[in-house]
Amino acid sequence: MRKIINPCGFHCIKVNHLGVKFNEQVVLSDVNLHIHCGSLNAVIGKNGAGKSTLVRAMLNDIPHTGEIEFRDTKEGNMHRLKIGYVPQSVNIEDNTPISVYDLLASYESRHPAFLPKNRRVYQKIKEALRVFEVEDLIDRQVCKLSGGQLQRVLLSLAIMDEPNLLLLDEPVSGIDQNGMELFFRTMDYLKKHYDLAIILISHDLDYVEKYADHVVLLDRTVLRQGTAREVYGSPEFDRVFGVGNRKHWVKEGV
């Protein structure tokens, strides 16, 4: 992936009046977001608030109303939005024979994994893995990876096509505290050194407070958005998470 010393600051992604209905049930209504490159944007909310549905809509996996724009704010031009995506979980059966190289090469070259290794593709994959400090896993069987290792391999896969937007749907579920800290430090590195925006679905309010530039409180629509201090100290946050949680954040100085 192409490294940039500082994100340009001129690319932005706009979600305009996005809505999703399943039959007659409204799951999301009039969602509006304005996301800049070089930023980590956390979407928080209770289970059933529509967070994963928002990700699926942005991926165009499900029908939705509204539109998603990718714009160069300096030139005012529209561009095609390229999205990288890491899901909540991936089911890999025991004894699956494919290696990390096979997994990423089948995506990169669209060729069957059983073909001989391509030197150029091998080096490109190793570079992507190096961003997340897992280049030594390139020949390891995917089924032998720990949860944290698989997560970093999937992140490497997500950035190989140099996306403008990285969508992460609770990618740290089941990861221990050390893995969590490493993940969020890596996100901090990505936003500072690559020209992309990150939208992260997360339940980890402490890490969101520490690392997110922008927080979106969602409950079928955007209830509140802004800094962690603004969102965590809001009456909307009280209604969703309870006054006791707000007192914790105020006491801790959010």
C-alpha atoms as a PDB file:
ATOM      1  CA  MET A   1       0.000   0.000   0.000  1.00  0.00           C
ATOM      2  CA  ARG A   2       1.273   3.449  -0.901  1.00  0.00           C
ATOM      3  CA  LYS A   3       2.567   5.254   2.184  1.00  0.00           C
ATOM      4  CA  ILE A   4       1.976   8.977   2.603  1.00  0.00           C
ATOM      5  CA  ILE A   5       3.834  11.034   5.206  1.00  0.00           C
ATOM      6  CA  ASN A   6       0.690  13.055   5.939  1.00  0.00           C
ATOM      7  CA  PRO A   7      -2.856  12.490   4.611  1.00  0.00           C
ATOM      8  CA  CYS A   8      -3.834  15.179   2.128  1.00  0.00           C
ATOM      9  CA  GLY A   9      -6.816  16.418   4.170  1.00  0.00           C
ATOM     10  CA  PHE A  10      -8.831  17.200   1.046  1.00  0.00           C
ATOM     11  CA  HIS A  11     -10.626  13.893   0.442  1.00  0.00           C
ATOM     12  CA  CYS A  12     -13.926  13.370   2.219  1.00  0.00           C
ATOM     13  CA  ILE A  13     -16.699  10.811   2.235  1.00  0.00           C
ATOM     14  CA  LYS A  14     -20.293  11.899   2.678  1.00  0.00           C
ATOM     15  CA  VAL A  15     -23.200   9.652   3.609  1.00  0.00           C
ATOM     16  CA  ASN A  16     -26.354  11.543   2.668  1.00  0.00           C
ATOM     17  CA  HIS A  17     -29.799  10.595   4.022  1.00  0.00           C
ATOM     18  CA  LEU A  18     -29.047   6.865   4.067  1.00  0.00           C
ATOM     19  CA  GLY A  19     -31.967   4.622   4.984  1.00  0.00           C
ATOM     20  CA  VAL A  20     -32.587   0.866   5.138  1.00  0.00           C
ATOM     21  CA  LYS A  21     -35.891  -1.013   5.422  1.00  0.00           C
ATOM     22  CA  PHE A  22     -36.463  -4.750   5.671  1.00  0.00           C
ATOM     23  CA  ASN A  23     -40.037  -5.276   4.541  1.00  0.00           C
ATOM     24  CA  GLU A  24     -41.832  -2.602   6.571  1.00  0.00           C
ATOM     25  CA  GLN A  25     -39.300  -2.457   9.390  1.00  0.00           C
ATOM     26  CA  VAL A  26     -37.133   0.680   9.390  1.00  0.00           C
ATOM     27  CA  VAL A  27     -33.597  -0.302  10.411  1.00  0.00           C
ATOM     28  CA  LEU A  28     -31.823   2.944   9.505  1.00  0.00           C
ATOM     29  CA  SER A  29     -33.336   6.345   8.791  1.00  0.00           C
ATOM     30  CA  ASP A  30     -31.766   9.564   7.489  1.00  0.00           C
ATOM     31  CA  VAL A  31     -28.172   8.759   8.428  1.00  0.00           C
ATOM     32  CA  ASN A  32     -25.798  11.601   7.529  1.00  0.00           C
ATOM     33  CA  LEU A  33     -22.024  11.410   7.999  1.00  0.00           C
ATOM     34  CA  HIS A  34     -19.091  13.534   6.872  1.00  0.00           C
ATOM     35  CA  ILE A  35     -15.797  11.636   7.069  1.00  0.00           C
ATOM     36  CA  HIS A  36     -12.352  13.032   6.220  1.00  0.00           C
ATOM     37  CA  CYS A  37      -9.242  11.132   5.184  1.00  0.00           C
ATOM     38  CA  GLY A  38      -6.696  10.604   7.916  1.00  0.00           C
ATOM     39  CA  SER A  39      -9.341  10.154  10.600  1.00  0.00           C
ATOM     40  CA  LEU A  40     -10.590   7.323  12.798  1.00  0.00           C
ATOM     41  CA  ASN A  41     -14.378   7.449  13.118  1.00  0.00           C
ATOM     42  CA  ALA A  42     -16.040   5.186  15.685  1.00  0.00           C
ATOM     43  CA  VAL A  43     -19.702   4.183  15.481  1.00  0.00           C
ATOM     44  CA  ILE A  44     -21.128   3.182  18.860  1.00  0.00           C
ATOM     45  CA  GLY A  45     -24.553   2.092  20.058  1.00  0.00           C
ATOM     46  CA  LYS A  46     -26.450  -0.743  21.657  1.00  0.00           C
ATOM     47  CA  ASN A  47     -27.024  -4.109  19.966  1.00  0.00           C
ATOM     48  CA  GLY A  48     -29.696  -3.741  17.291  1.00  0.00           C
ATOM     49  CA  ALA A  49     -28.938  -0.058  16.707  1.00  0.00           C
ATOM     50  CA  GLY A  50     -28.150  -0.698  13.029  1.00  0.00           C
ATOM     51  CA  LYS A  51     -24.343  -0.462  13.168  1.00  0.00           C
ATOM     52  CA  SER A  52     -23.600  -3.558  11.070  1.00  0.00           C
ATOM     53  CA  THR A  53     -26.468  -2.661   8.747  1.00  0.00           C
ATOM     54  CA  LEU A  54     -24.779   0.696   8.137  1.00  0.00           C
ATOM     55  CA  VAL A  55     -21.590  -1.109   7.100  1.00  0.00           C
ATOM     56  CA  ARG A  56     -23.498  -3.454   4.778  1.00  0.00           C
ATOM     57  CA  ALA A  57     -25.292  -0.510   3.193  1.00  0.00           C
ATOM     58  CA  MET A  58     -22.016   1.332   2.620  1.00  0.00           C
ATOM     59  CA  LEU A  59     -20.683  -1.823   0.968  1.00  0.00           C
ATOM     60  CA  ASN A  60     -23.824  -1.923  -1.224  1.00  0.00           C
ATOM     61  CA  ASP A  61     -24.530  -5.416   0.078  1.00  0.00           C
ATOM     62  CA  ILE A  62     -28.148  -4.498   0.843  1.00  0.00           C
ATOM     63  CA  PRO A  63     -30.670  -2.125  -0.775  1.00  0.00           C
ATOM     64  CA  HIS A  64     -30.740   1.345   0.710  1.00  0.00           C
ATOM     65  CA  THR A  65     -31.920   4.857   0.019  1.00  0.00           C
ATOM     66  CA  GLY A  66     -29.694   7.915   0.041  1.00  0.00           C
ATOM     67  CA  GLU A  67     -26.213   8.175  -1.440  1.00  0.00           C
ATOM     68  CA  ILE A  68     -22.539   7.885  -0.574  1.00  0.00           C
ATOM     69  CA  GLU A  69     -20.112  10.375  -2.118  1.00  0.00           C
ATOM     70  CA  PHE A  70     -16.334  10.470  -2.290  1.00  0.00           C
ATOM     71  CA  ARG A  71     -15.180  13.988  -3.040  1.00  0.00           C
ATOM     72  CA  ASP A  72     -11.936  15.897  -3.449  1.00  0.00           C
ATOM     73  CA  THR A  73     -12.832  19.007  -1.450  1.00  0.00           C
ATOM     74  CA  LYS A  74      -9.907  21.004  -2.850  1.00  0.00           C
ATOM     75  CA  GLU A  75     -10.862  20.441  -6.492  1.00  0.00           C
ATOM     76  CA  GLY A  76     -14.549  19.739  -5.882  1.00  0.00           C
ATOM     77  CA  ASN A  77     -14.410  16.562  -7.986  1.00  0.00           C
ATOM     78  CA  MET A  78     -16.247  13.296  -7.394  1.00  0.00           C
ATOM     79  CA  HIS A  79     -14.266  10.051  -7.430  1.00  0.00           C
ATOM     80  CA  ARG A  80     -15.000   6.350  -7.296  1.00  0.00           C
ATOM     81  CA  LEU A  81     -14.898   5.196  -3.694  1.00  0.00           C
ATOM     82  CA  LYS A  82     -12.689   2.173  -3.004  1.00  0.00           C
ATOM     83  CA  ILE A  83     -13.535   0.375   0.224  1.00  0.00           C
ATOM     84  CA  GLY A  84     -11.526  -2.089   2.283  1.00  0.00           C
ATOM     85  CA  TYR A  85     -13.519  -4.214   4.707  1.00  0.00           C
ATOM     86  CA  VAL A  86     -12.806  -6.440   7.710  1.00  0.00           C
ATOM     87  CA  PRO A  87     -15.850  -8.359   9.010  1.00  0.00           C
ATOM     88  CA  GLN A  88     -16.768  -9.215  12.570  1.00  0.00           C
ATOM     89  CA  SER A  89     -15.598 -12.810  12.214  1.00  0.00           C
ATOM     90  CA  VAL A  90     -14.468 -15.319   9.611  1.00  0.00           C
ATOM     91  CA  ASN A  91     -15.238 -19.030   9.837  1.00  0.00           C
ATOM     92  CA  ILE A  92     -12.258 -21.151   8.823  1.00  0.00           C
ATOM     93  CA  GLU A  93     -12.519 -24.899   9.175  1.00  0.00           C
ATOM     94  CA  ASP A  94      -9.808 -26.887  10.927  1.00  0.00           C
ATOM     95  CA  ASN A  95      -7.159 -28.327   8.603  1.00  0.00           C
ATOM     96  CA  THR A  96      -8.013 -25.892   5.799  1.00  0.00           C
ATOM     97  CA  PRO A  97      -4.864 -26.278   3.655  1.00  0.00           C
ATOM     98  CA  ILE A  98      -4.581 -22.729   2.261  1.00  0.00           C
ATOM     99  CA  SER A  99      -1.779 -20.490   3.467  1.00  0.00           C
ATOM    100  CA  VAL A 100      -1.821 -16.763   4.153  1.00  0.00           C
ATOM    101  CA  TYR A 101      -0.143 -16.292   0.775  1.00  0.00           C
ATOM    102  CA  ASP A 102      -2.831 -18.399  -0.945  1.00  0.00           C
ATOM    103  CA  LEU A 103      -5.610 -16.364   0.685  1.00  0.00           C
ATOM    104  CA  LEU A 104      -4.220 -12.981  -0.290  1.00  0.00           C
ATOM    105  CA  ALA A 105      -2.928 -14.087  -3.705  1.00  0.00           C
ATOM    106  CA  SER A 106      -6.342 -15.428  -4.752  1.00  0.00           C
ATOM    107  CA  TYR A 107      -7.752 -11.979  -4.020  1.00  0.00           C
ATOM    108  CA  GLU A 108      -4.877 -10.025  -5.546  1.00  0.00           C
ATOM    109  CA  SER A 109      -4.411 -11.988  -8.786  1.00  0.00           C
ATOM    110  CA  ARG A 110      -7.833 -13.671  -9.082  1.00  0.00           C
ATOM    111  CA  HIS A 111      -5.960 -16.875  -9.921  1.00  0.00           C
ATOM    112  CA  PRO A 112      -6.469 -20.244  -8.196  1.00  0.00           C
ATOM    113  CA  ALA A 113      -4.374 -20.640  -5.073  1.00  0.00           C
ATOM    114  CA  PHE A 114      -2.869 -23.947  -6.229  1.00  0.00           C
ATOM    115  CA  LEU A 115      -0.828 -22.277  -8.998  1.00  0.00           C
ATOM    116  CA  PRO A 116       2.928 -21.742  -8.390  1.00  0.00           C
ATOM    117  CA  LYS A 117       3.852 -18.674  -6.359  1.00  0.00           C
ATOM    118  CA  ASN A 118       4.280 -15.458  -8.322  1.00  0.00           C
ATOM    119  CA  ARG A 119       7.365 -13.557  -7.112  1.00  0.00           C
ATOM    120  CA  ARG A 120       5.852 -10.114  -7.721  1.00  0.00           C
ATOM    121  CA  VAL A 121       2.606 -11.016  -5.953  1.00  0.00           C
ATOM    122  CA  TYR A 122       4.560 -12.656  -3.120  1.00  0.00           C
ATOM    123  CA  GLN A 123       6.507  -9.441  -2.475  1.00  0.00           C
ATOM    124  CA  LYS A 124       3.379  -7.273  -2.655  1.00  0.00           C
ATOM    125  CA  ILE A 125       1.629  -9.508  -0.139  1.00  0.00           C
ATOM    126  CA  LYS A 126       4.646  -9.470   2.148  1.00  0.00           C
ATOM    127  CA  GLU A 127       4.683  -5.660   2.070  1.00  0.00           C
ATOM    128  CA  ALA A 128       0.994  -5.514   3.000  1.00  0.00           C
ATOM    129  CA  LEU A 129       1.573  -7.980   5.847  1.00  0.00           C
ATOM    130  CA  ARG A 130       4.569  -5.953   7.042  1.00  0.00           C
ATOM    131  CA  VAL A 131       2.308  -2.959   7.768  1.00  0.00           C
ATOM    132  CA  PHE A 132       0.681  -5.078  10.482  1.00  0.00           C
ATOM    133  CA  GLU A 133       3.899  -6.839  11.569  1.00  0.00           C
ATOM    134  CA  VAL A 134       2.833 -10.291  10.356  1.00  0.00           C
ATOM    135  CA  GLU A 135       5.022 -10.771   7.267  1.00  0.00           C
ATOM    136  CA  ASP A 136       6.527 -13.862   8.911  1.00  0.00           C
ATOM    137  CA  LEU A 137       3.105 -15.561   8.623  1.00  0.00           C
ATOM    138  CA  ILE A 138       3.009 -15.477   4.833  1.00  0.00           C
ATOM    139  CA  ASP A 139       3.542 -19.239   4.455  1.00  0.00           C
ATOM    140  CA  ARG A 140       1.530 -20.259   7.546  1.00  0.00           C
ATOM    141  CA  GLN A 141      -1.753 -22.157   7.173  1.00  0.00           C
ATOM    142  CA  VAL A 142      -4.658 -19.797   7.840  1.00  0.00           C
ATOM    143  CA  CYS A 143      -6.356 -22.322  10.116  1.00  0.00           C
ATOM    144  CA  LYS A 144      -3.284 -22.302  12.402  1.00  0.00           C
ATOM    145  CA  LEU A 145      -3.455 -18.562  13.113  1.00  0.00           C
ATOM    146  CA  SER A 146      -4.540 -17.115  16.441  1.00  0.00           C
ATOM    147  CA  GLY A 147      -7.448 -14.679  16.521  1.00  0.00           C
ATOM    148  CA  GLY A 148      -5.134 -11.685  16.678  1.00  0.00           C
ATOM    149  CA  GLN A 149      -2.934 -12.972  13.843  1.00  0.00           C
ATOM    150  CA  LEU A 150      -5.951 -13.648  11.615  1.00  0.00           C
ATOM    151  CA  GLN A 151      -7.276 -10.174  12.326  1.00  0.00           C
ATOM    152  CA  ARG A 152      -4.007  -8.591  11.163  1.00  0.00           C
ATOM    153  CA  VAL A 153      -3.907 -10.793   8.059  1.00  0.00           C
ATOM    154  CA  LEU A 154      -7.447  -9.678   7.178  1.00  0.00           C
ATOM    155  CA  LEU A 155      -6.446  -6.043   7.706  1.00  0.00           C
ATOM    156  CA  SER A 156      -3.532  -6.605   5.321  1.00  0.00           C
ATOM    157  CA  LEU A 157      -5.963  -8.012   2.775  1.00  0.00           C
ATOM    158  CA  ALA A 158      -8.282  -5.033   3.235  1.00  0.00           C
ATOM    159  CA  ILE A 159      -5.605  -2.441   2.416  1.00  0.00           C
ATOM    160  CA  MET A 160      -3.954  -4.235  -0.515  1.00  0.00           C
ATOM    161  CA  ASP A 161      -6.093  -2.442  -3.091  1.00  0.00           C
ATOM    162  CA  GLU A 162      -5.254   0.972  -1.571  1.00  0.00           C
ATOM    163  CA  PRO A 163      -8.780   1.854  -0.403  1.00  0.00           C
ATOM    164  CA  ASN A 164     -10.018   5.344   0.378  1.00  0.00           C
ATOM    165  CA  LEU A 165     -12.176   3.996   3.208  1.00  0.00           C
ATOM    166  CA  LEU A 166     -11.538   1.139   5.620  1.00  0.00           C
ATOM    167  CA  LEU A 167     -14.705  -0.338   7.175  1.00  0.00           C
ATOM    168  CA  LEU A 168     -14.170  -2.386  10.327  1.00  0.00           C
ATOM    169  CA  ASP A 169     -17.161  -4.184  11.837  1.00  0.00           C
ATOM    170  CA  GLU A 170     -16.106  -5.021  15.401  1.00  0.00           C
ATOM    171  CA  PRO A 171     -12.891  -6.667  14.219  1.00  0.00           C
ATOM    172  CA  VAL A 172     -11.493  -7.056  17.754  1.00  0.00           C
ATOM    173  CA  SER A 173     -14.229  -9.304  19.149  1.00  0.00           C
ATOM    174  CA  GLY A 174     -12.604 -11.938  21.356  1.00  0.00           C
ATOM    175  CA  ILE A 175      -9.160 -10.298  21.291  1.00  0.00           C
ATOM    176  CA  ASP A 176      -7.321  -9.867  24.610  1.00  0.00           C
ATOM    177  CA  GLN A 177      -6.252  -6.497  26.021  1.00  0.00           C
ATOM    178  CA  ASN A 178      -2.755  -6.651  24.536  1.00  0.00           C
ATOM    179  CA  GLY A 179      -4.257  -7.406  21.138  1.00  0.00           C
ATOM    180  CA  MET A 180      -6.714  -4.544  21.548  1.00  0.00           C
ATOM    181  CA  GLU A 181      -3.956  -2.069  22.331  1.00  0.00           C
ATOM    182  CA  LEU A 182      -1.927  -3.244  19.329  1.00  0.00           C
ATOM    183  CA  PHE A 183      -4.981  -2.990  17.068  1.00  0.00           C
ATOM    184  CA  PHE A 184      -5.814   0.583  18.058  1.00  0.00           C
ATOM    185  CA  ARG A 185      -2.170   1.672  17.831  1.00  0.00           C
ATOM    186  CA  THR A 186      -2.120   0.211  14.313  1.00  0.00           C
ATOM    187  CA  MET A 187      -5.272   2.142  13.413  1.00  0.00           C
ATOM    188  CA  ASP A 188      -3.612   5.287  14.730  1.00  0.00           C
ATOM    189  CA  TYR A 189      -0.582   4.571  12.526  1.00  0.00           C
ATOM    190  CA  LEU A 190      -2.754   3.943   9.453  1.00  0.00           C
ATOM    191  CA  LYS A 191      -4.740   7.151   9.755  1.00  0.00           C
ATOM    192  CA  LYS A 192      -1.568   9.200  10.197  1.00  0.00           C
ATOM    193  CA  HIS A 193       0.478   7.661   7.393  1.00  0.00           C
ATOM    194  CA  TYR A 194      -2.006   6.624   4.697  1.00  0.00           C
ATOM    195  CA  ASP A 195      -4.519   8.626   2.721  1.00  0.00           C
ATOM    196  CA  LEU A 196      -7.624   6.847   3.944  1.00  0.00           C
ATOM    197  CA  ALA A 197     -10.504   7.231   6.362  1.00  0.00           C
ATOM    198  CA  ILE A 198     -11.444   4.559   8.890  1.00  0.00           C
ATOM    199  CA  ILE A 199     -14.938   3.767  10.141  1.00  0.00           C
ATOM    200  CA  LEU A 200     -14.872   1.403  13.097  1.00  0.00           C
ATOM    201  CA  ILE A 201     -17.885  -0.278  14.703  1.00  0.00           C
ATOM    202  CA  SER A 202     -16.933  -0.749  18.341  1.00  0.00           C
ATOM    203  CA  HIS A 203     -18.301  -1.507  21.817  1.00  0.00           C
ATOM    204  CA  ASP A 204     -15.013  -0.608  23.486  1.00  0.00           C
ATOM    205  CA  LEU A 205     -15.796   2.860  24.772  1.00  0.00           C
ATOM    206  CA  ASP A 206     -12.476   3.294  26.585  1.00  0.00           C
ATOM    207  CA  TYR A 207     -10.458   2.680  23.413  1.00  0.00           C
ATOM    208  CA  VAL A 208     -12.849   4.797  21.352  1.00  0.00           C
ATOM    209  CA  GLU A 209     -12.340   7.659  23.798  1.00  0.00           C
ATOM    210  CA  LYS A 210      -8.557   7.258  23.593  1.00  0.00           C
ATOM    211  CA  TYR A 211      -8.115   6.885  19.827  1.00  0.00           C
ATOM    212  CA  ALA A 212     -11.155   8.063  17.838  1.00  0.00           C
ATOM    213  CA  ASP A 213     -11.168  11.495  16.206  1.00  0.00           C
ATOM    214  CA  HIS A 214     -14.916  11.428  15.641  1.00  0.00           C
ATOM    215  CA  VAL A 215     -17.636   9.433  17.422  1.00  0.00           C
ATOM    216  CA  VAL A 216     -21.083   8.639  16.026  1.00  0.00           C
ATOM    217  CA  LEU A 217     -23.826   7.508  18.418  1.00  0.00           C
ATOM    218  CA  LEU A 218     -26.293   5.462  16.389  1.00  0.00           C
ATOM    219  CA  ASP A 219     -29.760   4.172  17.197  1.00  0.00           C
ATOM    220  CA  ARG A 220     -31.415   3.665  13.801  1.00  0.00           C
ATOM    221  CA  THR A 221     -30.391   7.236  13.066  1.00  0.00           C
ATOM    222  CA  VAL A 222     -27.530   9.450  14.211  1.00  0.00           C
ATOM    223  CA  LEU A 223     -28.434  10.626  17.711  1.00  0.00           C
ATOM    224  CA  ARG A 224     -25.232  12.552  18.281  1.00  0.00           C
ATOM    225  CA  GLN A 225     -21.797  12.917  16.691  1.00  0.00           C
ATOM    226  CA  GLY A 226     -18.644  14.831  17.539  1.00  0.00           C
ATOM    227  CA  THR A 227     -15.651  14.291  19.795  1.00  0.00           C
ATOM    228  CA  ALA A 228     -15.785  11.638  22.510  1.00  0.00           C
ATOM    229  CA  ARG A 229     -16.199  14.406  25.088  1.00  0.00           C
ATOM    230  CA  GLU A 230     -19.197  15.853  23.229  1.00  0.00           C
ATOM    231  CA  VAL A 231     -20.894  12.509  22.627  1.00  0.00           C
ATOM    232  CA  TYR A 232     -20.194  10.858  25.997  1.00  0.00           C
ATOM    233  CA  GLY A 233     -21.340  13.957  27.857  1.00  0.00           C
ATOM    234  CA  SER A 234     -24.605  14.280  25.924  1.00  0.00           C
ATOM    235  CA  PRO A 235     -28.173  13.496  27.048  1.00  0.00           C
ATOM    236  CA  GLU A 236     -28.445  11.173  24.038  1.00  0.00           C
ATOM    237  CA  PHE A 237     -25.582   9.088  25.440  1.00  0.00           C
ATOM    238  CA  ASP A 238     -27.403   8.995  28.790  1.00  0.00           C
ATOM    239  CA  ARG A 239     -30.526   7.611  27.142  1.00  0.00           C
ATOM    240  CA  VAL A 240     -28.633   4.872  25.325  1.00  0.00           C
ATOM    241  CA  PHE A 241     -26.028   3.808  27.908  1.00  0.00           C
ATOM    242  CA  GLY A 242     -27.386   5.200  31.179  1.00  0.00           C
ATOM    243  CA  VAL A 243     -26.466   8.169  33.361  1.00  0.00           C
ATOM    244  CA  GLY A 244     -23.985   6.078  35.358  1.00  0.00           C
ATOM    245  CA  ASN A 245     -21.813   5.617  32.293  1.00  0.00           C
ATOM    246  CA  ARG A 246     -21.839   9.361  31.608  1.00  0.00           C
ATOM    247  CA  LYS A 247     -20.690  10.045  35.178  1.00  0.00           C
ATOM    248  CA  HIS A 248     -17.779   7.658  34.629  1.00  0.00           C
ATOM    249  CA  TRP A 249     -16.630   9.532  31.543  1.00  0.00           C
ATOM    250  CA  VAL A 250     -17.039  12.950  33.149  1.00  0.00           C
ATOM    251  CA  LYS A 251     -15.113  11.783  36.238  1.00  0.00           C
ATOM    252  CA  GLU A 252     -12.311  10.433  34.073  1.00  0.00           C
ATOM    253  CA  GLY A 253     -12.075  13.784  32.317  1.00  0.00           C
ATOM    254  CA  VAL A 254     -13.433  12.890  28.876  1.00  0.00           C
END
